């Protein structure tokens, strides 16, 4: 075969290959990520309405803040109500928000990630109204009747317009009353579900913790004297399998003479401030005795046994009370600790 014929055959084969590849790619649809969207139920109502928010098309395995944009600046500001949600593999979530006390008007519920600046990732419109606003609309329609009288139209036209306007006013008033009754029913049902859930919920309040601490001075006073050491620290743990982080501050008080002779150890008193992942907090007071553990010589490990009392809380834990036991191993060499607690919580 001559060189010229070989070139023609090679060109034809390459052309057929390119055409076949293009036909394959032409049959493959391009995939575009769906935009994140919010769906509200209901989409309007008075202040105090509990709105169910459903999100779809969001980035999986990400925390989002869903908030009511009170001032309309498309960014979350301190004081605006919000819920923190975690989006799973499907890219969807469902949560609720209670509409705050705001004037009549159009607002937006938005979803965004930190630092929550404008523009938000997704938004949905919500109209805030009251029954009085609906009644004012009826008043405007009645005034429209008076305007038609002033126009001097025919008696038939006046009667016909009056009938239609009055019927519309009655219909609107009926819808407003029914909507208000439905909203009130929904709110009462949600409150009842919340109360029942609290009544039947298990009162267990237990978990684990670990962290590190610092002391304001070395714990080495002269014999037969009382030592007082301020300690503080932070760490993380769980409450009933929910992840938390915390800070604490407190004191170690020891009579050094009794400590050496009777092995009473150091009296511990302090306060844990526990923060849940959604921002709610629990404040706990702890009291106990910390003793050195002797095992073929001093190991640097102290063992703490004591009790805790729930003082107060915020958010879901507002008004909470309860108590239980707490144990911990404290390593005085590297200033670390770990332990567990077990008790009950009441609301």
Protein backbone atom coordinates (compact mmCIF):
# COMPACT_ATOMS: atom_id res chain seq x y z
CA UNK A 1 0.00 0.00 0.00
CA UNK A 2 1.35 3.36 -0.97
CA UNK A 3 2.19 6.02 1.65
CA UNK A 4 -0.60 8.29 0.43
CA UNK A 5 -3.21 5.52 0.80
CA UNK A 6 -1.98 4.75 4.34
CA UNK A 7 -2.44 8.37 5.36
CA UNK A 8 -5.99 8.44 3.98
CA UNK A 9 -6.88 5.21 5.86
CA UNK A 10 -5.34 6.48 9.16
CA UNK A 11 -7.26 9.77 8.88
CA UNK A 12 -10.53 7.91 8.28
CA UNK A 13 -10.01 5.65 11.34
CA UNK A 14 -9.20 8.59 13.63
CA UNK A 15 -12.25 10.52 12.36
CA UNK A 16 -14.55 7.55 13.05
CA UNK A 17 -13.14 7.23 16.58
CA UNK A 18 -13.71 10.94 17.35
CA UNK A 19 -17.29 10.82 16.00
CA UNK A 20 -18.09 7.71 18.08
CA UNK A 21 -16.72 9.33 21.26
CA UNK A 22 -18.74 12.51 20.65
CA UNK A 23 -21.90 10.45 20.21
CA UNK A 24 -21.26 8.71 23.53
CA UNK A 25 -20.74 11.97 25.44
CA UNK A 26 -23.80 13.47 23.77
CA UNK A 27 -25.97 10.76 25.36
CA UNK A 28 -24.64 11.44 28.90
CA UNK A 29 -26.73 14.10 30.70
CA UNK A 30 -24.81 16.78 32.55
CA UNK A 31 -25.41 16.76 36.31
CA UNK A 32 -25.93 20.00 38.10
CA UNK A 33 -26.22 20.34 41.85
CA UNK A 34 -29.72 21.30 42.92
CA UNK A 35 -29.82 24.67 44.69
CA UNK A 36 -30.53 24.64 48.40
CA UNK A 37 -34.21 25.43 49.13
CA UNK A 38 -36.42 25.96 52.18
CA UNK A 39 -40.10 24.99 52.39
CA UNK A 40 -42.28 26.49 55.16
CA UNK A 41 -45.52 25.22 56.68
CA UNK A 42 -47.45 27.42 57.22
CA UNK A 43 -46.21 30.36 55.12
CA UNK A 44 -48.13 33.04 57.04
CA UNK A 45 -49.55 33.66 60.49
CA UNK A 46 -49.35 35.83 63.63
CA UNK A 47 -46.43 36.13 66.02
CA UNK A 48 -46.09 32.93 68.06
CA UNK A 49 -46.79 30.67 65.07
CA UNK A 50 -44.63 27.52 65.07
CA UNK A 51 -43.30 27.02 61.55
CA UNK A 52 -42.04 23.68 60.24
CA UNK A 53 -39.01 24.23 57.98
CA UNK A 54 -37.88 21.58 55.50
CA UNK A 55 -34.54 22.02 53.71
CA UNK A 56 -33.29 20.19 50.64
CA UNK A 57 -30.28 20.43 48.34
CA UNK A 58 -27.88 21.34 51.16
CA UNK A 59 -24.26 20.20 51.48
CA UNK A 60 -24.18 16.87 53.39
CA UNK A 61 -22.36 16.45 56.73
CA UNK A 62 -22.52 20.19 57.48
CA UNK A 63 -23.97 22.28 60.34
CA UNK A 64 -26.36 25.07 59.32
CA UNK A 65 -28.06 27.85 61.27
CA UNK A 66 -31.77 28.33 60.38
CA UNK A 67 -32.97 31.76 61.56
CA UNK A 68 -35.78 34.33 61.35
CA UNK A 69 -34.37 37.46 59.67
CA UNK A 70 -36.00 40.16 61.82
CA UNK A 71 -34.31 43.18 60.22
CA UNK A 72 -34.21 41.88 56.64
CA UNK A 73 -30.45 42.29 56.10
CA UNK A 74 -29.98 38.70 54.82
CA UNK A 75 -27.54 37.92 57.67
CA UNK A 76 -27.97 36.50 61.18
CA UNK A 77 -27.72 39.10 63.97
CA UNK A 78 -27.53 38.56 67.72
CA UNK A 79 -31.01 38.21 69.22
CA UNK A 80 -32.68 36.77 66.12
CA UNK A 81 -34.25 33.35 66.88
CA UNK A 82 -32.47 30.36 65.33
CA UNK A 83 -32.03 26.62 65.35
CA UNK A 84 -28.81 24.72 64.60
CA UNK A 85 -29.30 21.71 62.29
CA UNK A 86 -26.99 19.00 61.01
CA UNK A 87 -27.47 17.88 57.39
CA UNK A 88 -26.91 14.20 56.74
CA UNK A 89 -25.96 12.32 53.58
CA UNK A 90 -29.29 13.10 51.83
CA UNK A 91 -28.71 16.85 52.03
CA UNK A 92 -32.06 17.42 53.79
CA UNK A 93 -33.30 18.46 57.24
CA UNK A 94 -36.48 19.36 59.11
CA UNK A 95 -36.75 21.73 62.09
CA UNK A 96 -39.12 24.30 63.61
CA UNK A 97 -39.01 27.98 64.58
CA UNK A 98 -41.41 30.11 66.58
CA UNK A 99 -42.24 33.43 64.91
CA UNK A 100 -41.11 36.26 67.26
CA UNK A 101 -43.15 39.32 68.17
CA UNK A 102 -42.74 41.56 65.12
CA UNK A 103 -44.98 44.06 63.27
CA UNK A 104 -47.21 43.09 60.34
CA UNK A 105 -45.20 42.54 57.18
CA UNK A 106 -43.18 40.21 54.95
CA UNK A 107 -40.13 38.52 56.47
CA UNK A 108 -37.74 35.71 55.55
CA UNK A 109 -36.57 32.53 57.23
CA UNK A 110 -33.04 31.77 56.07
CA UNK A 111 -30.37 29.04 56.33
CA UNK A 112 -26.64 29.70 56.31
CA UNK A 113 -23.26 28.50 57.58
CA UNK A 114 -20.80 30.37 59.78
CA UNK A 115 -20.13 33.35 59.78
CA UNK A 116 -23.81 33.84 58.68
CA UNK A 117 -23.16 36.92 56.50
CA UNK A 118 -25.24 38.11 53.55
CA UNK A 119 -26.36 36.67 51.27
CA UNK A 120 -27.80 33.58 52.99
CA UNK A 121 -27.54 30.21 51.25
CA UNK A 122 -31.35 29.74 51.14
CA UNK A 123 -34.41 31.81 52.09
CA UNK A 124 -38.20 31.41 52.21
CA UNK A 125 -40.83 34.13 52.65
CA UNK A 126 -43.15 34.30 55.68
CA UNK A 127 -45.95 36.88 56.09
CA UNK A 128 -46.75 38.02 59.63
CA UNK A 129 -50.31 39.26 60.21
CA UNK A 130 -52.93 39.58 62.96
CA UNK A 131 -56.71 39.26 62.96
CA UNK A 132 -56.90 43.03 63.37
CA UNK A 133 -55.01 43.44 60.10
CA UNK A 134 -57.62 41.30 58.38
CA UNK A 135 -60.42 43.38 59.90
CA UNK A 136 -58.75 46.54 58.61
CA UNK A 137 -58.86 45.05 55.11
CA UNK A 138 -62.61 44.55 55.54
CA UNK A 139 -62.96 48.18 56.63
CA UNK A 140 -61.19 49.29 53.44
CA UNK A 141 -63.65 47.28 51.36
CA UNK A 142 -66.60 48.92 53.16
CA UNK A 143 -65.11 52.35 52.46
CA UNK A 144 -64.95 51.35 48.80
CA UNK A 145 -68.77 50.98 48.89
CA UNK A 146 -69.11 54.55 50.14
CA UNK A 147 -66.89 55.72 47.27
CA UNK A 148 -69.23 54.07 44.75
CA UNK A 149 -72.19 55.90 46.29
CA UNK A 150 -70.36 59.18 45.78
CA UNK A 151 -69.80 58.33 42.12
CA UNK A 152 -73.58 58.52 41.49
CA UNK A 153 -73.84 55.21 39.63
CA UNK A 154 -77.08 53.39 38.90
CA UNK A 155 -79.00 51.78 41.74
CA UNK A 156 -78.59 48.32 40.17
CA UNK A 157 -74.83 48.75 39.84
CA UNK A 158 -74.58 49.96 43.41
CA UNK A 159 -76.59 47.01 44.77
CA UNK A 160 -74.58 44.54 42.70
CA UNK A 161 -71.23 46.01 43.76
CA UNK A 162 -72.37 46.19 47.39
CA UNK A 163 -73.41 42.54 47.35
CA UNK A 164 -70.11 41.38 45.82
CA UNK A 165 -68.01 43.54 48.13
CA UNK A 166 -69.93 42.46 51.22
CA UNK A 167 -69.72 38.81 50.25
CA UNK A 168 -65.95 39.19 49.72
CA UNK A 169 -65.59 40.91 53.10
CA UNK A 170 -67.51 38.15 54.89
CA UNK A 171 -65.46 35.48 53.10
CA UNK A 172 -62.19 37.15 54.05
CA UNK A 173 -63.29 37.57 57.67
CA UNK A 174 -64.32 33.91 57.84
CA UNK A 175 -60.97 32.79 56.39
CA UNK A 176 -59.09 35.00 58.87
CA UNK A 177 -61.00 33.58 61.84
CA UNK A 178 -60.56 29.98 60.65
CA UNK A 179 -56.84 30.57 60.05
CA UNK A 180 -56.44 32.05 63.54
CA UNK A 181 -58.28 29.08 65.08
CA UNK A 182 -56.11 26.63 63.10
CA UNK A 183 -52.90 28.43 64.15
CA UNK A 184 -53.99 28.41 67.81
CA UNK A 185 -54.85 24.70 67.57
CA UNK A 186 -51.43 23.92 66.07
CA UNK A 187 -49.63 25.87 68.81
CA UNK A 188 -51.61 24.15 71.56
CA UNK A 189 -50.91 20.71 70.05
CA UNK A 190 -47.18 21.47 69.82
CA UNK A 191 -47.09 22.70 73.43
CA UNK A 192 -48.99 19.60 74.58
CA UNK A 193 -46.57 17.31 72.70
CA UNK A 194 -43.65 19.12 74.37
CA UNK A 195 -45.18 18.75 77.86
CA UNK A 196 -45.96 15.06 77.30
CA UNK A 197 -42.44 14.43 76.01
CA UNK A 198 -40.97 16.03 79.13
CA UNK A 199 -43.27 14.01 81.41
CA UNK A 200 -42.43 10.64 79.86
CA UNK A 201 -38.75 11.39 79.17
CA UNK A 202 -36.23 9.35 81.12
CA UNK A 203 -34.72 11.44 83.92
CA UNK A 204 -31.25 9.96 83.42
CA UNK A 205 -28.42 12.49 83.47
CA UNK A 206 -25.10 10.72 83.03
CA UNK A 207 -22.04 10.79 80.84
CA UNK A 208 -18.27 11.08 80.62
CA UNK A 209 -15.72 13.91 80.52
CA UNK A 210 -11.99 14.56 80.06
CA UNK A 211 -9.75 17.61 79.83
CA UNK A 212 -6.89 19.52 81.33
CA UNK A 213 -6.47 22.06 84.15
CA UNK A 214 -4.10 24.61 85.67
CA UNK A 215 -3.38 25.71 89.28
CA UNK A 216 -2.49 29.19 90.46
CA UNK A 217 0.44 27.87 92.59
CA UNK A 218 2.31 24.65 93.41
CA UNK A 219 0.51 22.47 95.97
CA UNK A 220 3.34 22.19 98.50
CA UNK A 221 2.54 24.06 101.74
CA UNK A 222 4.43 23.54 105.03
CA UNK A 223 3.31 20.78 107.37
CA UNK A 224 0.21 21.37 109.52
CA UNK A 225 -1.01 24.32 107.42
CA UNK A 226 -4.07 24.77 105.29
CA UNK A 227 -3.52 25.12 101.53
CA UNK A 228 -6.05 26.69 99.15
CA UNK A 229 -5.45 26.32 95.42
CA UNK A 230 -7.60 27.85 92.67
CA UNK A 231 -7.93 25.53 89.66
CA UNK A 232 -9.56 25.98 86.26
CA UNK A 233 -9.76 24.06 83.01
CA UNK A 234 -11.81 22.86 80.06
CA UNK A 235 -12.57 19.76 78.04
CA UNK A 236 -15.23 17.75 76.28
CA UNK A 237 -17.49 14.77 76.93
CA UNK A 238 -21.03 13.43 76.61
CA UNK A 239 -24.40 13.80 78.30
CA UNK A 240 -26.68 10.82 77.57
CA UNK A 241 -24.58 10.21 74.37
CA UNK A 242 -24.88 13.87 73.23
CA UNK A 243 -21.54 15.60 72.66
CA UNK A 244 -20.75 18.58 74.92
CA UNK A 245 -17.87 20.81 75.86
CA UNK A 246 -17.32 22.54 79.20
CA UNK A 247 -15.29 24.87 81.36
CA UNK A 248 -14.86 24.71 85.11
CA UNK A 249 -13.38 26.63 87.98
CA UNK A 250 -12.98 25.72 91.62
CA UNK A 251 -10.71 25.25 94.63
CA UNK A 252 -8.72 22.54 96.39
CA UNK A 253 -8.64 22.98 100.19
CA UNK A 254 -6.38 20.75 102.28
CA UNK A 255 -5.28 20.56 105.92
CA UNK A 256 -1.72 19.42 105.23
CA UNK A 257 -1.22 17.79 108.63
CA UNK A 258 -4.40 15.71 108.35
CA UNK A 259 -3.58 15.03 104.72
CA UNK A 260 -0.28 13.38 105.63
CA UNK A 261 -1.42 11.55 108.74
CA UNK A 262 -4.98 10.49 107.92
CA UNK A 263 -4.89 10.49 104.10
CA UNK A 264 -8.03 12.59 103.95
CA UNK A 265 -6.85 14.28 100.77
CA UNK A 266 -7.96 17.64 99.43
CA UNK A 267 -11.54 18.91 99.62
CA UNK A 268 -12.78 19.89 96.18
CA UNK A 269 -15.46 22.46 95.42
CA UNK A 270 -16.24 24.15 92.14
CA UNK A 271 -18.59 24.65 89.22
CA UNK A 272 -18.92 23.07 85.76
CA UNK A 273 -20.43 25.15 82.96
CA UNK A 274 -21.52 22.65 80.29
CA UNK A 275 -22.46 23.79 76.77
CA UNK A 276 -24.57 21.52 74.54
CA UNK A 277 -23.93 21.43 70.78
CA UNK A 278 -27.01 23.64 70.10
CA UNK A 279 -25.79 26.36 72.48
CA UNK A 280 -27.95 25.51 75.54
CA UNK A 281 -26.08 25.42 78.85
CA UNK A 282 -26.22 23.60 82.21
CA UNK A 283 -24.54 24.92 85.36
CA UNK A 284 -23.44 22.29 87.89
CA UNK A 285 -21.88 22.57 91.35
CA UNK A 286 -19.50 19.79 92.44
CA UNK A 287 -18.17 18.82 95.88
CA UNK A 288 -15.93 15.92 96.83
CA UNK A 289 -12.63 14.62 98.20
CA UNK A 290 -9.49 14.09 96.12
CA UNK A 291 -7.08 11.42 97.42
CA UNK A 292 -3.67 10.32 96.18
CA UNK A 293 -3.48 6.81 94.76
CA UNK A 294 -0.53 4.85 96.17
CA UNK A 295 0.60 1.87 94.14
CA UNK A 296 4.16 0.83 94.94
CA UNK A 297 5.05 4.47 95.32
CA UNK A 298 3.33 7.69 94.34
CA UNK A 299 2.15 7.55 90.73
CA UNK A 300 0.97 11.15 90.31
CA UNK A 301 -2.65 9.97 90.01
CA UNK A 302 -5.35 11.33 92.32
CA UNK A 303 -8.84 9.85 92.59
CA UNK A 304 -11.83 12.16 93.06
CA UNK A 305 -15.16 10.98 94.47
CA UNK A 306 -18.03 13.34 95.13
CA UNK A 307 -21.47 14.61 94.21
CA UNK A 308 -22.87 17.15 91.79
CA UNK A 309 -25.97 19.35 91.89
CA UNK A 310 -27.64 20.94 88.85
CA UNK A 311 -28.10 24.62 89.73
CA UNK A 312 -29.78 26.04 86.63
CA UNK A 313 -29.65 26.06 82.83
CA UNK A 314 -30.63 27.88 79.66
CA UNK A 315 -32.70 26.96 76.59
CA UNK A 316 -34.06 23.43 76.87
CA UNK A 317 -32.46 23.10 80.32
CA UNK A 318 -33.97 26.29 81.78
CA UNK A 319 -35.31 25.57 85.28
CA UNK A 320 -33.60 22.16 85.41
CA UNK A 321 -32.65 20.57 88.75
CA UNK A 322 -31.09 17.28 89.75
CA UNK A 323 -28.10 15.59 91.37
CA UNK A 324 -25.84 12.55 91.24
CA UNK A 325 -22.39 11.13 91.84
CA UNK A 326 -19.12 11.99 90.09
CA UNK A 327 -15.75 10.16 89.94
CA UNK A 328 -12.54 11.13 88.21
CA UNK A 329 -8.85 10.24 87.93
CA UNK A 330 -6.60 13.31 88.05
CA UNK A 331 -3.01 13.15 86.80
CA UNK A 332 -1.06 15.82 88.67
CA UNK A 333 2.00 15.22 86.49
CA UNK A 334 0.53 16.40 83.17
CA UNK A 335 -2.51 18.25 84.62
CA UNK A 336 -5.12 16.09 82.88
CA UNK A 337 -8.26 14.33 84.14
CA UNK A 338 -11.03 12.00 83.01
CA UNK A 339 -14.11 10.58 84.66
CA UNK A 340 -17.84 9.97 84.62
CA UNK A 341 -21.04 11.07 86.37
CA UNK A 342 -24.42 9.45 86.95
CA UNK A 343 -27.65 10.93 88.29
CA UNK A 344 -31.02 12.38 87.37
CA UNK A 345 -32.42 15.61 85.93
CA UNK A 346 -35.81 17.22 86.51
CA UNK A 347 -37.65 20.09 84.79
